[in-house]
C-alpha atoms as a PDB file:
ATOM      1  CA  MET A   1     -48.183  33.750   6.103  1.00  0.00           C
ATOM      2  CA  THR A   2     -44.633  32.445   6.543  1.00  0.00           C
ATOM      3  CA  ASN A   3     -45.448  30.937   9.928  1.00  0.00           C
ATOM      4  CA  CYS A   4     -48.313  28.962   8.423  1.00  0.00           C
ATOM      5  CA  PHE A   5     -46.026  27.539   5.713  1.00  0.00           C
ATOM      6  CA  ILE A   6     -43.346  26.523   8.237  1.00  0.00           C
ATOM      7  CA  ASN A   7     -45.921  24.821  10.457  1.00  0.00           C
ATOM      8  CA  LYS A   8     -47.318  22.914   7.497  1.00  0.00           C
ATOM      9  CA  LEU A   9     -43.760  21.878   6.499  1.00  0.00           C
ATOM     10  CA  ARG A  10     -43.060  20.681  10.055  1.00  0.00           C
ATOM     11  CA  ARG A  11     -46.230  18.605  10.157  1.00  0.00           C
ATOM     12  CA  THR A  12     -45.390  17.013   6.792  1.00  0.00           C
ATOM     13  CA  ALA A  13     -41.822  16.205   7.845  1.00  0.00           C
ATOM     14  CA  ILE A  14     -42.989  14.720  11.131  1.00  0.00           C
ATOM     15  CA  GLY A  15     -45.533  12.634   9.227  1.00  0.00           C
ATOM     16  CA  VAL A  16     -42.844  11.311   6.885  1.00  0.00           C
ATOM     17  CA  PHE A  17     -40.613  10.283   9.779  1.00  0.00           C
ATOM     18  CA  LYS A  18     -43.514   8.552  11.486  1.00  0.00           C
ATOM     19  CA  MET A  19     -43.980   6.404   8.372  1.00  0.00           C
ATOM     20  CA  ILE A  20     -40.438   4.961   8.691  1.00  0.00           C
ATOM     21  CA  PRO A  21     -40.027   3.840  12.293  1.00  0.00           C
ATOM     22  CA  LEU A  22     -36.412   2.825  12.963  1.00  0.00           C
ATOM     23  CA  PRO A  23     -35.053   2.139  16.417  1.00  0.00           C
ATOM     24  CA  ILE A  24     -31.809   3.968  17.194  1.00  0.00           C
ATOM     25  CA  GLU A  25     -29.828   0.701  17.252  1.00  0.00           C
ATOM     26  CA  GLN A  26     -30.858  -0.156  13.700  1.00  0.00           C
ATOM     27  CA  LEU A  27     -30.135   3.367  12.511  1.00  0.00           C
ATOM     28  CA  GLU A  28     -26.644   3.300  14.044  1.00  0.00           C
ATOM     29  CA  TRP A  29     -25.955  -0.103  12.484  1.00  0.00           C
ATOM     30  CA  LEU A  30     -27.145   1.149   9.084  1.00  0.00           C
ATOM     31  CA  LEU A  31     -24.994   4.281   9.246  1.00  0.00           C
ATOM     32  CA  GLY A  32     -21.989   2.253  10.426  1.00  0.00           C
ATOM     33  CA  THR A  33     -22.384  -0.142   7.520  1.00  0.00           C
ATOM     34  CA  ILE A  34     -22.688   2.699   5.030  1.00  0.00           C
ATOM     35  CA  CYS A  35     -19.495   4.267   6.407  1.00  0.00           C
ATOM     36  CA  LEU A  36     -17.686   0.931   6.299  1.00  0.00           C
ATOM     37  CA  ILE A  37     -18.292   0.286   2.570  1.00  0.00           C
ATOM     38  CA  PRO A  38     -15.870   2.974   1.236  1.00  0.00           C
ATOM     39  CA  ILE A  39     -13.214   1.807   3.691  1.00  0.00           C
ATOM     40  CA  LEU A  40     -13.534  -1.777   2.443  1.00  0.00           C
ATOM     41  CA  ILE A  41     -13.376  -0.638  -1.195  1.00  0.00           C
ATOM     42  CA  TRP A  42     -10.231   1.389  -0.440  1.00  0.00           C
ATOM     43  CA  PHE A  43      -8.679  -1.622   1.322  1.00  0.00           C
ATOM     44  CA  VAL A  44      -9.349  -3.960  -1.637  1.00  0.00           C
ATOM     45  CA  ILE A  45      -7.899  -1.429  -4.099  1.00  0.00           C
ATOM     46  CA  ALA A  46      -4.794  -1.006  -1.901  1.00  0.00           C
ATOM     47  CA  ILE A  47      -4.229  -4.787  -1.754  1.00  0.00           C
ATOM     48  CA  LEU A  48      -4.633  -5.151  -5.531  1.00  0.00           C
ATOM     49  CA  LEU A  49      -2.233  -2.244  -6.067  1.00  0.00           C
ATOM     50  CA  CYS A  50       0.368  -3.851  -3.791  1.00  0.00           C
ATOM     51  CA  VAL A  51       0.088  -7.149  -5.676  1.00  0.00           C
ATOM     52  CA  TRP A  52       0.542  -5.318  -8.985  1.00  0.00           C
ATOM     53  CA  VAL A  53       3.610  -3.419  -7.708  1.00  0.00           C
ATOM     54  CA  TYR A  54       5.156  -6.662  -6.419  1.00  0.00           C
ATOM     55  CA  ARG A  55       4.638  -8.505  -9.713  1.00  0.00           C
ATOM     56  CA  ASP A  56       5.777  -5.554 -11.831  1.00  0.00           C
ATOM     57  CA  ALA A  57       8.946  -5.048  -9.769  1.00  0.00           C
ATOM     58  CA  GLU A  58       9.800  -8.752  -9.965  1.00  0.00           C
ATOM     59  CA  SER A  59       9.272  -8.800 -13.747  1.00  0.00           C
ATOM     60  CA  ARG A  60      11.684  -5.861 -14.084  1.00  0.00           C
ATOM     61  CA  GLY A  61      14.424  -7.536 -12.039  1.00  0.00           C
ATOM     62  CA  MET A  62      13.848  -5.352  -8.959  1.00  0.00           C
ATOM     63  CA  SER A  63      13.103  -6.402  -5.378  1.00  0.00           C
ATOM     64  CA  GLY A  64       9.349  -6.990  -5.296  1.00  0.00           C
ATOM     65  CA  VAL A  65       9.208  -7.333  -1.502  1.00  0.00           C
ATOM     66  CA  LEU A  66      11.005  -4.019  -0.983  1.00  0.00           C
ATOM     67  CA  TRP A  67       8.623  -2.124  -3.252  1.00  0.00           C
ATOM     68  CA  LEU A  68       5.623  -3.898  -1.729  1.00  0.00           C
ATOM     69  CA  ILE A  69       6.668  -2.647   1.719  1.00  0.00           C
ATOM     70  CA  VAL A  70       7.335   0.877   0.384  1.00  0.00           C
ATOM     71  CA  VAL A  71       3.865   1.074  -1.163  1.00  0.00           C
ATOM     72  CA  LEU A  72       2.222  -0.391   1.967  1.00  0.00           C
ATOM     73  CA  ILE A  73       3.911   2.150   4.248  1.00  0.00           C
ATOM     74  CA  ALA A  74       3.928   5.258   2.041  1.00  0.00           C
ATOM     75  CA  GLY A  75       0.700   4.638   0.110  1.00  0.00           C
ATOM     76  CA  ILE A  76       0.179   6.769  -2.988  1.00  0.00           C
ATOM     77  CA  ILE A  77       3.520   8.562  -2.472  1.00  0.00           C
ATOM     78  CA  GLY A  78       5.316   5.192  -2.502  1.00  0.00           C
ATOM     79  CA  LEU A  79       3.487   4.247  -5.697  1.00  0.00           C
ATOM     80  CA  ILE A  80       4.528   7.508  -7.379  1.00  0.00           C
ATOM     81  CA  VAL A  81       8.159   6.961  -6.315  1.00  0.00           C
ATOM     82  CA  TYR A  82       8.043   3.402  -7.680  1.00  0.00           C
ATOM     83  CA  LEU A  83       6.615   4.550 -11.011  1.00  0.00           C
ATOM     84  CA  ILE A  84       9.398   7.135 -11.338  1.00  0.00           C
ATOM     85  CA  VAL A  85      12.371   4.919 -10.441  1.00  0.00           C
ATOM     86  CA  ARG A  86      11.336   1.573 -11.919  1.00  0.00           C
ATOM     87  CA  LYS A  87      13.575   0.009 -14.548  1.00  0.00           C
ATOM     88  CA  GLU A  88      12.638  -0.824 -18.097  1.00  0.00           C
ATOM     89  CA  LYS A  89      11.437  -4.369 -18.649  1.00  0.00           C
ATOM     90  CA  PRO A  90      14.245  -6.588 -19.884  1.00  0.00           C
ATOM     91  CA  THR A  91      13.723  -7.645 -23.463  1.00  0.00           C
ATOM     92  CA  ALA A  92      14.168 -11.249 -24.456  1.00  0.00           C
ATOM     93  CA  PRO A  93      17.291 -11.902 -26.523  1.00  0.00           C
ATOM     94  CA  ALA A  94      16.720 -12.461 -30.219  1.00  0.00           C
ATOM     95  CA  PRO A  95      16.347 -16.148 -31.027  1.00  0.00           C
ATOM     96  CA  ALA A  96      19.389 -17.780 -32.552  1.00  0.00           C
ATOM     97  CA  PRO A  97      19.139 -18.093 -36.315  1.00  0.00           C
ATOM     98  CA  VAL A  98      18.064 -21.510 -37.480  1.00  0.00           C
ATOM     99  CA  THR A  99      20.794 -23.222 -39.491  1.00  0.00           C
ATOM    100  CA  ARG A 100      21.330 -26.558 -41.185  1.00  0.00           C
ATOM    101  CA  ILE A 101      24.418 -28.694 -41.538  1.00  0.00           C
ATOM    102  CA  CYS A 102      25.698 -29.603 -44.989  1.00  0.00           C
ATOM    103  CA  PRO A 103      25.812 -33.420 -45.249  1.00  0.00           C
ATOM    104  CA  ASN A 104      28.866 -33.195 -47.529  1.00  0.00           C
ATOM    105  CA  CYS A 105      31.229 -30.732 -45.812  1.00  0.00           C
ATOM    106  CA  GLY A 106      29.643 -30.494 -42.333  1.00  0.00           C
ATOM    107  CA  ARG A 107      29.515 -26.707 -42.203  1.00  0.00           C
ATOM    108  CA  SER A 108      26.497 -24.793 -41.032  1.00  0.00           C
ATOM    109  CA  ILE A 109      24.438 -23.184 -43.781  1.00  0.00           C
ATOM    110  CA  PRO A 110      21.277 -21.026 -43.907  1.00  0.00           C
ATOM    111  CA  PRO A 111      18.042 -23.062 -44.108  1.00  0.00           C
ATOM    112  CA  GLU A 112      16.726 -21.413 -47.293  1.00  0.00           C
ATOM    113  CA  VAL A 113      19.628 -22.284 -49.661  1.00  0.00           C
ATOM    114  CA  LYS A 114      19.414 -25.076 -52.233  1.00  0.00           C
ATOM    115  CA  PHE A 115      23.186 -25.454 -52.694  1.00  0.00           C
ATOM    116  CA  CYS A 116      25.902 -25.414 -50.038  1.00  0.00           C
ATOM    117  CA  PRO A 117      27.802 -22.101 -50.386  1.00  0.00           C
ATOM    118  CA  HIS A 118      31.022 -23.814 -49.235  1.00  0.00           C
ATOM    119  CA  CYS A 119      31.218 -27.041 -51.265  1.00  0.00           C
ATOM    120  CA  GLY A 120      28.456 -26.562 -53.875  1.00  0.00           C
ATOM    121  CA  LYS A 121      26.590 -29.798 -53.013  1.00  0.00           C
ATOM    122  CA  GLU A 122      22.901 -29.751 -53.939  1.00  0.00           C
ATOM    123  CA  LEU A 123      20.684 -29.960 -50.844  1.00  0.00           C
ATOM    124  CA  ALA A 124      17.289 -31.627 -50.652  1.00  0.00           C
END
């Protein structure tokens, strides 16, 4: 009984393969292409990651070229090291307070006042 089932399975499988005739050269090309796709995806992700590390290091006042080389050579380990040792982003200094000049005494005064706190002149 089992032999009959195996023979039937073999005939069906052989019939399926006969329906899709592929020369060996085409099959090798197809398998090579399929294997190449993940490598290309990995390469694109690695390039984008290196660009991000370079820009991030430069924006933090660090050497972008140095960290780009570290990540290129060491890969994911270099990225982890960079993420651990990177500096905080420098914050922009607070803008200088806007002031006006009193036309009467010439001193600087806050913009929201209606009278000069130094000479008492009414401001427009």
